[in-house]
């Protein structure tokens, strides 16, 4: 269940792993158009987040990252 609410990441991302790279990423063309060419990876991990209402939760998050560009477009996939 993806959620599009505002949130803040608290601490370091644990259990980070790559779930797709390069052409296996459905959004690769859009990412390259917005942020530039790079070695793009879609990743996931677990981290504590503070939601808009101020409550703290443990959550699985997904994001995209590329060397020299950084981490982009964090999204909560599931509150744990």
PDB file of N, CA and C in Angstrom:
ATOM      1  N   UNK A   1       0.844  -1.187   0.000  1.00  0.00           N
ATOM      2  CA  UNK A   1       0.000   0.000   0.000  1.00  0.00           C
ATOM      3  C   UNK A   1       0.885   1.244   0.000  1.00  0.00           C
ATOM      4  N   UNK A   2       0.939   1.937  -1.080  1.00  0.00           N
ATOM      5  CA  UNK A   2       1.740   3.157  -1.166  1.00  0.00           C
ATOM      6  C   UNK A   2       0.942   4.325  -0.599  1.00  0.00           C
ATOM      7  N   UNK A   3       1.650   5.248   0.012  1.00  0.00           N
ATOM      8  CA  UNK A   3       0.991   6.416   0.563  1.00  0.00           C
ATOM      9  C   UNK A   3       1.715   7.669   0.080  1.00  0.00           C
ATOM     10  N   UNK A   4       0.985   8.734  -0.189  1.00  0.00           N
ATOM     11  CA  UNK A   4       1.598   9.937  -0.734  1.00  0.00           C
ATOM     12  C   UNK A   4       1.603  11.078   0.278  1.00  0.00           C
ATOM     13  N   UNK A   5       1.595  10.753   1.565  1.00  0.00           N
ATOM     14  CA  UNK A   5       1.604  11.803   2.571  1.00  0.00           C
ATOM     15  C   UNK A   5       3.016  12.329   2.793  1.00  0.00           C
ATOM     16  N   UNK A   6       3.105  13.508   3.387  1.00  0.00           N
ATOM     17  CA  UNK A   6       4.399  14.091   3.715  1.00  0.00           C
ATOM     18  C   UNK A   6       4.966  13.343   4.906  1.00  0.00           C
ATOM     19  N   UNK A   7       6.286  13.105   4.880  1.00  0.00           N
ATOM     20  CA  UNK A   7       6.939  12.441   5.996  1.00  0.00           C
ATOM     21  C   UNK A   7       8.400  12.862   6.058  1.00  0.00           C
ATOM     22  N   UNK A   8       9.004  12.625   7.224  1.00  0.00           N
ATOM     23  CA  UNK A   8      10.407  12.948   7.447  1.00  0.00           C
ATOM     24  C   UNK A   8      11.116  11.675   7.889  1.00  0.00           C
ATOM     25  N   UNK A   9      12.263  11.400   7.302  1.00  0.00           N
ATOM     26  CA  UNK A   9      13.043  10.222   7.675  1.00  0.00           C
ATOM     27  C   UNK A   9      13.832  10.546   8.932  1.00  0.00           C
ATOM     28  N   UNK A  10      13.738   9.656   9.934  1.00  0.00           N
ATOM     29  CA  UNK A  10      14.439   9.833  11.200  1.00  0.00           C
ATOM     30  C   UNK A  10      15.505   8.742  11.298  1.00  0.00           C
ATOM     31  N   UNK A  11      16.769   9.105  11.288  1.00  0.00           N
ATOM     32  CA  UNK A  11      17.844   8.128  11.426  1.00  0.00           C
ATOM     33  C   UNK A  11      18.300   7.546  10.102  1.00  0.00           C
ATOM     34  N   UNK A  12      19.036   6.449  10.214  1.00  0.00           N
ATOM     35  CA  UNK A  12      19.620   5.789   9.053  1.00  0.00           C
ATOM     36  C   UNK A  12      18.690   4.709   8.501  1.00  0.00           C
ATOM     37  N   UNK A  13      18.750   4.481   7.209  1.00  0.00           N
ATOM     38  CA  UNK A  13      17.956   3.438   6.562  1.00  0.00           C
ATOM     39  C   UNK A  13      18.634   2.094   6.799  1.00  0.00           C
ATOM     40  N   UNK A  14      17.891   1.127   7.328  1.00  0.00           N
ATOM     41  CA  UNK A  14      18.418  -0.214   7.601  1.00  0.00           C
ATOM     42  C   UNK A  14      17.921  -1.186   6.531  1.00  0.00           C
ATOM     43  N   UNK A  15      18.594  -2.305   6.410  1.00  0.00           N
ATOM     44  CA  UNK A  15      18.199  -3.381   5.498  1.00  0.00           C
ATOM     45  C   UNK A  15      18.022  -2.887   4.061  1.00  0.00           C
ATOM     46  N   UNK A  16      18.850  -1.926   3.649  1.00  0.00           N
ATOM     47  CA  UNK A  16      18.741  -1.371   2.295  1.00  0.00           C
ATOM     48  C   UNK A  16      19.166  -2.414   1.274  1.00  0.00           C
ATOM     49  N   UNK A  17      18.363  -2.549   0.231  1.00  0.00           N
ATOM     50  CA  UNK A  17      18.706  -3.471  -0.846  1.00  0.00           C
ATOM     51  C   UNK A  17      18.198  -2.931  -2.168  1.00  0.00           C
ATOM     52  N   UNK A  18      18.897  -3.297  -3.240  1.00  0.00           N
ATOM     53  CA  UNK A  18      18.518  -2.891  -4.590  1.00  0.00           C
ATOM     54  C   UNK A  18      17.455  -3.850  -5.110  1.00  0.00           C
ATOM     55  N   UNK A  19      16.365  -3.294  -5.655  1.00  0.00           N
ATOM     56  CA  UNK A  19      15.303  -4.147  -6.188  1.00  0.00           C
ATOM     57  C   UNK A  19      15.200  -4.072  -7.710  1.00  0.00           C
ATOM     58  N   UNK A  20      15.852  -3.073  -8.330  1.00  0.00           N
ATOM     59  CA  UNK A  20      15.883  -2.995  -9.801  1.00  0.00           C
ATOM     60  C   UNK A  20      17.015  -2.063 -10.212  1.00  0.00           C
ATOM     61  N   UNK A  21      17.583  -2.306 -11.402  1.00  0.00           N
ATOM     62  CA  UNK A  21      18.647  -1.444 -11.922  1.00  0.00           C
ATOM     63  C   UNK A  21      18.406  -1.160 -13.401  1.00  0.00           C
ATOM     64  N   UNK A  22      18.893  -0.019 -13.844  1.00  0.00           N
ATOM     65  CA  UNK A  22      18.881   0.338 -15.268  1.00  0.00           C
ATOM     66  C   UNK A  22      17.546   0.167 -15.956  1.00  0.00           C
ATOM     67  N   UNK A  23      17.536  -0.577 -17.047  1.00  0.00           N
ATOM     68  CA  UNK A  23      16.333  -0.717 -17.869  1.00  0.00           C
ATOM     69  C   UNK A  23      15.223  -1.515 -17.177  1.00  0.00           C
ATOM     70  N   UNK A  24      15.517  -2.176 -16.077  1.00  0.00           N
ATOM     71  CA  UNK A  24      14.496  -2.902 -15.312  1.00  0.00           C
ATOM     72  C   UNK A  24      13.601  -1.947 -14.513  1.00  0.00           C
ATOM     73  N   UNK A  25      14.018  -0.688 -14.395  1.00  0.00           N
ATOM     74  CA  UNK A  25      13.222   0.330 -13.696  1.00  0.00           C
ATOM     75  C   UNK A  25      12.200   0.886 -14.675  1.00  0.00           C
ATOM     76  N   UNK A  26      10.914   0.769 -14.333  1.00  0.00           N
ATOM     77  CA  UNK A  26       9.857   1.249 -15.236  1.00  0.00           C
ATOM     78  C   UNK A  26       9.952   2.742 -15.505  1.00  0.00           C
ATOM     79  N   UNK A  27      10.429   3.509 -14.519  1.00  0.00           N
ATOM     80  CA  UNK A  27      10.459   4.971 -14.604  1.00  0.00           C
ATOM     81  C   UNK A  27      11.795   5.519 -15.112  1.00  0.00           C
ATOM     82  N   UNK A  28      12.635   4.686 -15.697  1.00  0.00           N
ATOM     83  CA  UNK A  28      14.004   5.105 -16.038  1.00  0.00           C
ATOM     84  C   UNK A  28      14.039   6.313 -16.974  1.00  0.00           C
ATOM     85  N   UNK A  29      13.192   6.351 -17.977  1.00  0.00           N
ATOM     86  CA  UNK A  29      13.199   7.481 -18.929  1.00  0.00           C
ATOM     87  C   UNK A  29      12.833   8.776 -18.212  1.00  0.00           C
ATOM     88  N   UNK A  30      11.806   8.728 -17.370  1.00  0.00           N
ATOM     89  CA  UNK A  30      11.397   9.922 -16.613  1.00  0.00           C
ATOM     90  C   UNK A  30      12.500  10.376 -15.666  1.00  0.00           C
ATOM     91  N   UNK A  31      13.135   9.445 -14.962  1.00  0.00           N
ATOM     92  CA  UNK A  31      14.220   9.794 -14.035  1.00  0.00           C
ATOM     93  C   UNK A  31      15.371  10.471 -14.766  1.00  0.00           C
ATOM     94  N   UNK A  32      15.756   9.924 -15.915  1.00  0.00           N
ATOM     95  CA  UNK A  32      16.853  10.510 -16.679  1.00  0.00           C
ATOM     96  C   UNK A  32      16.487  11.889 -17.215  1.00  0.00           C
ATOM     97  N   UNK A  33      15.237  12.066 -17.597  1.00  0.00           N
ATOM     98  CA  UNK A  33      14.786  13.362 -18.118  1.00  0.00           C
ATOM     99  C   UNK A  33      14.795  14.432 -17.020  1.00  0.00           C
ATOM    100  N   UNK A  34      14.343  14.077 -15.818  1.00  0.00           N
ATOM    101  CA  UNK A  34      14.253  15.043 -14.718  1.00  0.00           C
ATOM    102  C   UNK A  34      15.607  15.282 -14.053  1.00  0.00           C
ATOM    103  N   UNK A  35      16.343  14.204 -13.721  1.00  0.00           N
ATOM    104  CA  UNK A  35      17.543  14.307 -12.894  1.00  0.00           C
ATOM    105  C   UNK A  35      18.850  14.104 -13.650  1.00  0.00           C
ATOM    106  N   UNK A  36      18.800  13.544 -14.841  1.00  0.00           N
ATOM    107  CA  UNK A  36      20.007  13.323 -15.621  1.00  0.00           C
ATOM    108  C   UNK A  36      20.364  11.850 -15.741  1.00  0.00           C
ATOM    109  N   UNK A  37      21.263  11.575 -16.668  1.00  0.00           N
ATOM    110  CA  UNK A  37      21.701  10.200 -16.888  1.00  0.00           C
ATOM    111  C   UNK A  37      22.593   9.774 -15.735  1.00  0.00           C
ATOM    112  N   UNK A  38      22.517   8.511 -15.421  1.00  0.00           N
ATOM    113  CA  UNK A  38      23.338   7.966 -14.343  1.00  0.00           C
ATOM    114  C   UNK A  38      23.060   6.485 -14.210  1.00  0.00           C
ATOM    115  N   UNK A  39      23.736   5.849 -13.302  1.00  0.00           N
ATOM    116  CA  UNK A  39      23.514   4.421 -13.030  1.00  0.00           C
ATOM    117  C   UNK A  39      22.389   4.314 -12.001  1.00  0.00           C
ATOM    118  N   UNK A  40      21.161   4.355 -12.469  1.00  0.00           N
ATOM    119  CA  UNK A  40      19.988   4.400 -11.609  1.00  0.00           C
ATOM    120  C   UNK A  40      19.674   3.036 -10.995  1.00  0.00           C
ATOM    121  N   UNK A  41      19.296   3.078  -9.727  1.00  0.00           N
ATOM    122  CA  UNK A  41      18.873   1.879  -9.000  1.00  0.00           C
ATOM    123  C   UNK A  41      17.605   2.205  -8.225  1.00  0.00           C
ATOM    124  N   UNK A  42      16.672   1.275  -8.189  1.00  0.00           N
ATOM    125  CA  UNK A  42      15.507   1.402  -7.310  1.00  0.00           C
ATOM    126  C   UNK A  42      15.846   0.592  -6.072  1.00  0.00           C
ATOM    127  N   UNK A  43      15.692   1.207  -4.885  1.00  0.00           N
ATOM    128  CA  UNK A  43      16.097   0.565  -3.645  1.00  0.00           C
ATOM    129  C   UNK A  43      14.963   0.570  -2.633  1.00  0.00           C
ATOM    130  N   UNK A  44      15.096  -0.295  -1.643  1.00  0.00           N
ATOM    131  CA  UNK A  44      14.128  -0.312  -0.552  1.00  0.00           C
ATOM    132  C   UNK A  44      14.875  -0.534   0.754  1.00  0.00           C
ATOM    133  N   UNK A  45      14.238  -0.109   1.854  1.00  0.00           N
ATOM    134  CA  UNK A  45      14.826  -0.276   3.168  1.00  0.00           C
ATOM    135  C   UNK A  45      13.804   0.036   4.239  1.00  0.00           C
ATOM    136  N   UNK A  46      14.227  -0.143   5.492  1.00  0.00           N
ATOM    137  CA  UNK A  46      13.362   0.094   6.644  1.00  0.00           C
ATOM    138  C   UNK A  46      13.937   1.262   7.439  1.00  0.00           C
ATOM    139  N   UNK A  47      13.064   2.170   7.856  1.00  0.00           N
ATOM    140  CA  UNK A  47      13.506   3.352   8.598  1.00  0.00           C
ATOM    141  C   UNK A  47      12.356   3.879   9.457  1.00  0.00           C
ATOM    142  N   UNK A  48      12.693   4.605  10.503  1.00  0.00           N
ATOM    143  CA  UNK A  48      11.682   5.283  11.315  1.00  0.00           C
ATOM    144  C   UNK A  48      11.325   6.593  10.611  1.00  0.00           C
ATOM    145  N   UNK A  49      10.026   6.874  10.501  1.00  0.00           N
ATOM    146  CA  UNK A  49       9.561   8.099   9.847  1.00  0.00           C
ATOM    147  C   UNK A  49       8.626   8.870  10.774  1.00  0.00           C
ATOM    148  N   UNK A  50       8.620  10.183  10.589  1.00  0.00           N
ATOM    149  CA  UNK A  50       7.665  11.040  11.291  1.00  0.00           C
ATOM    150  C   UNK A  50       6.655  11.504  10.258  1.00  0.00           C
ATOM    151  N   UNK A  51       5.402  11.140  10.474  1.00  0.00           N
ATOM    152  CA  UNK A  51       4.335  11.515   9.548  1.00  0.00           C
ATOM    153  C   UNK A  51       3.912  12.954   9.781  1.00  0.00           C
ATOM    154  N   UNK A  52       3.073  13.479   8.889  1.00  0.00           N
ATOM    155  CA  UNK A  52       2.617  14.862   8.956  1.00  0.00           C
ATOM    156  C   UNK A  52       1.999  15.249  10.285  1.00  0.00           C
ATOM    157  N   UNK A  53       1.307  14.319  10.940  1.00  0.00           N
ATOM    158  CA  UNK A  53       0.679  14.600  12.228  1.00  0.00           C
ATOM    159  C   UNK A  53       1.631  14.542  13.413  1.00  0.00           C
ATOM    160  N   UNK A  54       2.908  14.198  13.157  1.00  0.00           N
ATOM    161  CA  UNK A  54       3.908  14.147  14.213  1.00  0.00           C
ATOM    162  C   UNK A  54       4.122  12.764  14.814  1.00  0.00           C
ATOM    163  N   UNK A  55       3.360  11.769  14.373  1.00  0.00           N
ATOM    164  CA  UNK A  55       3.512  10.424  14.930  1.00  0.00           C
ATOM    165  C   UNK A  55       4.711   9.723  14.290  1.00  0.00           C
ATOM    166  N   UNK A  56       5.395   8.884  15.075  1.00  0.00           N
ATOM    167  CA  UNK A  56       6.546   8.128  14.599  1.00  0.00           C
ATOM    168  C   UNK A  56       6.131   6.704  14.269  1.00  0.00           C
ATOM    169  N   UNK A  57       6.644   6.179  13.170  1.00  0.00           N
ATOM    170  CA  UNK A  57       6.340   4.818  12.735  1.00  0.00           C
ATOM    171  C   UNK A  57       7.582   4.205  12.120  1.00  0.00           C
ATOM    172  N   UNK A  58       7.656   2.884  12.158  1.00  0.00           N
ATOM    173  CA  UNK A  58       8.648   2.152  11.393  1.00  0.00           C
ATOM    174  C   UNK A  58       8.009   1.868  10.040  1.00  0.00           C
ATOM    175  N   UNK A  59       8.745   2.107   8.955  1.00  0.00           N
ATOM    176  CA  UNK A  59       8.147   1.971   7.625  1.00  0.00           C
ATOM    177  C   UNK A  59       9.136   1.376   6.633  1.00  0.00           C
ATOM    178  N   UNK A  60       8.582   0.656   5.656  1.00  0.00           N
ATOM    179  CA  UNK A  60       9.370   0.244   4.495  1.00  0.00           C
ATOM    180  C   UNK A  60       9.233   1.366   3.475  1.00  0.00           C
ATOM    181  N   UNK A  61      10.373   1.864   3.006  1.00  0.00           N
ATOM    182  CA  UNK A  61      10.350   2.934   2.015  1.00  0.00           C
ATOM    183  C   UNK A  61      11.053   2.465   0.750  1.00  0.00           C
ATOM    184  N   UNK A  62      10.681   3.065  -0.370  1.00  0.00           N
ATOM    185  CA  UNK A  62      11.332   2.827  -1.661  1.00  0.00           C
ATOM    186  C   UNK A  62      11.821   4.178  -2.173  1.00  0.00           C
ATOM    187  N   UNK A  63      12.938   4.157  -2.911  1.00  0.00           N
ATOM    188  CA  UNK A  63      13.466   5.367  -3.508  1.00  0.00           C
ATOM    189  C   UNK A  63      14.340   4.998  -4.706  1.00  0.00           C
ATOM    190  N   UNK A  64      14.708   6.019  -5.476  1.00  0.00           N
ATOM    191  CA  UNK A  64      15.623   5.848  -6.603  1.00  0.00           C
ATOM    192  C   UNK A  64      16.924   6.547  -6.241  1.00  0.00           C
ATOM    193  N   UNK A  65      18.063   5.994  -6.699  1.00  0.00           N
ATOM    194  CA  UNK A  65      19.325   6.687  -6.482  1.00  0.00           C
ATOM    195  C   UNK A  65      20.292   6.394  -7.618  1.00  0.00           C
ATOM    196  N   UNK A  66      21.192   7.355  -7.831  1.00  0.00           N
ATOM    197  CA  UNK A  66      22.238   7.209  -8.846  1.00  0.00           C
ATOM    198  C   UNK A  66      23.494   7.891  -8.326  1.00  0.00           C
ATOM    199  N   UNK A  67      24.644   7.339  -8.655  1.00  0.00           N
ATOM    200  CA  UNK A  67      25.926   7.921  -8.265  1.00  0.00           C
ATOM    201  C   UNK A  67      26.041   9.329  -8.850  1.00  0.00           C
ATOM    202  N   UNK A  68      26.468  10.259  -8.027  1.00  0.00           N
ATOM    203  CA  UNK A  68      26.631  11.636  -8.468  1.00  0.00           C
ATOM    204  C   UNK A  68      25.347  12.440  -8.490  1.00  0.00           C
ATOM    205  N   UNK A  69      24.207  11.775  -8.356  1.00  0.00           N
ATOM    206  CA  UNK A  69      22.910  12.457  -8.360  1.00  0.00           C
ATOM    207  C   UNK A  69      22.280  12.377  -6.979  1.00  0.00           C
ATOM    208  N   UNK A  70      22.391  11.229  -6.342  1.00  0.00           N
ATOM    209  CA  UNK A  70      21.878  11.060  -4.988  1.00  0.00           C
ATOM    210  C   UNK A  70      20.553  10.325  -4.946  1.00  0.00           C
ATOM    211  N   UNK A  71      19.932  10.335  -3.762  1.00  0.00           N
ATOM    212  CA  UNK A  71      18.654   9.655  -3.533  1.00  0.00           C
ATOM    213  C   UNK A  71      17.498  10.594  -3.890  1.00  0.00           C
ATOM    214  N   UNK A  72      16.526  10.055  -4.609  1.00  0.00           N
ATOM    215  CA  UNK A  72      15.389  10.864  -5.073  1.00  0.00           C
ATOM    216  C   UNK A  72      14.085  10.107  -4.863  1.00  0.00           C
ATOM    217  N   UNK A  73      13.014  10.848  -4.674  1.00  0.00           N
ATOM    218  CA  UNK A  73      11.636  10.354  -4.693  1.00  0.00           C
ATOM    219  C   UNK A  73      11.361   9.233  -3.686  1.00  0.00           C
ATOM    220  N   UNK A  74      11.553   9.533  -2.417  1.00  0.00           N
ATOM    221  CA  UNK A  74      11.226   8.586  -1.355  1.00  0.00           C
ATOM    222  C   UNK A  74       9.722   8.398  -1.281  1.00  0.00           C
ATOM    223  N   UNK A  75       9.305   7.157  -1.023  1.00  0.00           N
ATOM    224  CA  UNK A  75       7.872   6.891  -0.874  1.00  0.00           C
ATOM    225  C   UNK A  75       7.694   5.770   0.150  1.00  0.00           C
ATOM    226  N   UNK A  76       6.711   5.935   1.011  1.00  0.00           N
ATOM    227  CA  UNK A  76       6.382   4.892   1.997  1.00  0.00           C
ATOM    228  C   UNK A  76       5.578   3.818   1.290  1.00  0.00           C
ATOM    229  N   UNK A  77       6.044   2.583   1.368  1.00  0.00           N
ATOM    230  CA  UNK A  77       5.310   1.466   0.787  1.00  0.00           C
ATOM    231  C   UNK A  77       4.437   0.788   1.828  1.00  0.00           C
ATOM    232  N   UNK A  78       4.914   0.735   3.091  1.00  0.00           N
ATOM    233  CA  UNK A  78       4.142   0.053   4.118  1.00  0.00           C
ATOM    234  C   UNK A  78       4.594   0.522   5.495  1.00  0.00           C
ATOM    235  N   UNK A  79       3.626   0.781   6.368  1.00  0.00           N
ATOM    236  CA  UNK A  79       3.948   1.050   7.765  1.00  0.00           C
ATOM    237  C   UNK A  79       4.049  -0.292   8.476  1.00  0.00           C
ATOM    238  N   UNK A  80       5.123  -0.484   9.222  1.00  0.00           N
ATOM    239  CA  UNK A  80       5.357  -1.766   9.887  1.00  0.00           C
ATOM    240  C   UNK A  80       4.948  -1.723  11.353  1.00  0.00           C
TER     241      UNK A  80
END
